[in-house]
C-alpha atoms as a PDB file:
ATOM      1  CA  UNK A   1      85.294  88.021  90.729  1.00  0.00           C
ATOM      2  CA  UNK A   2      89.081  88.167  91.060  1.00  0.00           C
ATOM      3  CA  UNK A   3      91.084  85.221  89.805  1.00  0.00           C
ATOM      4  CA  UNK A   4      93.747  83.847  92.077  1.00  0.00           C
ATOM      5  CA  UNK A   5      97.247  83.675  90.678  1.00  0.00           C
ATOM      6  CA  UNK A   6      98.709  80.255  90.325  1.00  0.00           C
ATOM      7  CA  UNK A   7     101.966  79.415  92.055  1.00  0.00           C
ATOM      8  CA  UNK A   8     103.991  79.505  88.827  1.00  0.00           C
ATOM      9  CA  UNK A   9     102.609  82.949  88.004  1.00  0.00           C
ATOM     10  CA  UNK A  10     103.513  84.252  91.475  1.00  0.00           C
ATOM     11  CA  UNK A  11     107.034  82.910  91.153  1.00  0.00           C
ATOM     12  CA  UNK A  12     107.397  84.457  87.690  1.00  0.00           C
ATOM     13  CA  UNK A  13     106.152  87.863  88.878  1.00  0.00           C
ATOM     14  CA  UNK A  14     108.472  87.734  91.896  1.00  0.00           C
ATOM     15  CA  UNK A  15     111.418  86.888  89.629  1.00  0.00           C
ATOM     16  CA  UNK A  16     110.604  89.793  87.305  1.00  0.00           C
ATOM     17  CA  UNK A  17     110.417  92.186  90.262  1.00  0.00           C
ATOM     18  CA  UNK A  18     113.725  90.916  91.658  1.00  0.00           C
ATOM     19  CA  UNK A  19     115.453  91.321  88.275  1.00  0.00           C
ATOM     20  CA  UNK A  20     114.097  94.853  87.871  1.00  0.00           C
ATOM     21  CA  UNK A  21     115.217  95.829  91.365  1.00  0.00           C
ATOM     22  CA  UNK A  22     118.710  94.416  90.747  1.00  0.00           C
ATOM     23  CA  UNK A  23     118.983  96.310  87.451  1.00  0.00           C
ATOM     24  CA  UNK A  24     117.915  99.596  89.053  1.00  0.00           C
ATOM     25  CA  UNK A  25     120.303  99.076  91.961  1.00  0.00           C
ATOM     26  CA  UNK A  26     123.212  98.370  89.584  1.00  0.00           C
ATOM     27  CA  UNK A  27     122.459 101.527  87.573  1.00  0.00           C
ATOM     28  CA  UNK A  28     122.200 103.572  90.760  1.00  0.00           C
ATOM     29  CA  UNK A  29     125.542 102.253  92.011  1.00  0.00           C
ATOM     30  CA  UNK A  30     127.154 103.078  88.647  1.00  0.00           C
ATOM     31  CA  UNK A  31     125.903 106.657  88.851  1.00  0.00           C
ATOM     32  CA  UNK A  32     127.071 107.172  92.408  1.00  0.00           C
ATOM     33  CA  UNK A  33     130.510 105.682  91.656  1.00  0.00           C
ATOM     34  CA  UNK A  34     130.898 108.005  88.652  1.00  0.00           C
ATOM     35  CA  UNK A  35     132.400 111.473  89.081  1.00  0.00           C
ATOM     36  CA  UNK A  36     129.498 113.448  90.597  1.00  0.00           C
ATOM     37  CA  UNK A  37     130.976 116.762  89.446  1.00  0.00           C
ATOM     38  CA  UNK A  38     129.629 115.910  85.965  1.00  0.00           C
ATOM     39  CA  UNK A  39     126.088 116.108  87.391  1.00  0.00           C
ATOM     40  CA  UNK A  40     126.503 119.305  89.417  1.00  0.00           C
ATOM     41  CA  UNK A  41     125.210 122.792  88.684  1.00  0.00           C
ATOM     42  CA  UNK A  42     127.559 125.764  89.015  1.00  0.00           C
ATOM     43  CA  UNK A  43     126.117 126.457  92.466  1.00  0.00           C
ATOM     44  CA  UNK A  44     127.116 122.957  93.648  1.00  0.00           C
ATOM     45  CA  UNK A  45     123.704 121.276  93.724  1.00  0.00           C
ATOM     46  CA  UNK A  46     123.146 117.976  91.935  1.00  0.00           C
ATOM     47  CA  UNK A  47     121.306 118.149  88.622  1.00  0.00           C
ATOM     48  CA  UNK A  48     118.874 115.269  89.138  1.00  0.00           C
ATOM     49  CA  UNK A  49     117.261 115.759  85.715  1.00  0.00           C
ATOM     50  CA  UNK A  50     120.596 115.380  83.921  1.00  0.00           C
ATOM     51  CA  UNK A  51     121.421 112.346  86.043  1.00  0.00           C
ATOM     52  CA  UNK A  52     118.058 110.786  85.157  1.00  0.00           C
ATOM     53  CA  UNK A  53     118.539 111.395  81.427  1.00  0.00           C
ATOM     54  CA  UNK A  54     122.044 109.913  81.414  1.00  0.00           C
ATOM     55  CA  UNK A  55     121.178 106.840  83.476  1.00  0.00           C
ATOM     56  CA  UNK A  56     117.740 105.988  82.146  1.00  0.00           C
ATOM     57  CA  UNK A  57     116.226 106.007  85.628  1.00  0.00           C
ATOM     58  CA  UNK A  58     113.247 108.092  86.600  1.00  0.00           C
ATOM     59  CA  UNK A  59     113.744 111.429  88.321  1.00  0.00           C
ATOM     60  CA  UNK A  60     111.516 110.471  91.270  1.00  0.00           C
ATOM     61  CA  UNK A  61     113.420 107.207  91.818  1.00  0.00           C
ATOM     62  CA  UNK A  62     116.744 109.056  91.850  1.00  0.00           C
ATOM     63  CA  UNK A  63     115.417 111.784  94.136  1.00  0.00           C
ATOM     64  CA  UNK A  64     114.206 109.227  96.660  1.00  0.00           C
ATOM     65  CA  UNK A  65     117.379 107.118  96.728  1.00  0.00           C
ATOM     66  CA  UNK A  66     119.777 110.071  96.706  1.00  0.00           C
ATOM     67  CA  UNK A  67     117.846 111.554  99.624  1.00  0.00           C
ATOM     68  CA  UNK A  68     118.287 108.243 101.482  1.00  0.00           C
ATOM     69  CA  UNK A  69     122.030 108.352 100.745  1.00  0.00           C
ATOM     70  CA  UNK A  70     122.286 111.938 101.963  1.00  0.00           C
ATOM     71  CA  UNK A  71     123.304 113.447  98.637  1.00  0.00           C
END
């Protein structure tokens, strides 16, 4: 049997998700506003792995959002 979450628990979980999303979005904006030449290979492509290591974000998250941005 699955327990139902109480209203306070739902609100708390929603707040945690909102804070995490805001943190990730702020980090992503900081990366994009930084000089992107630091993250480029010699052939001109972006080095997503280096970007992920420097920012603390996951590689798959960066790949998805940079694809949305057209980078």
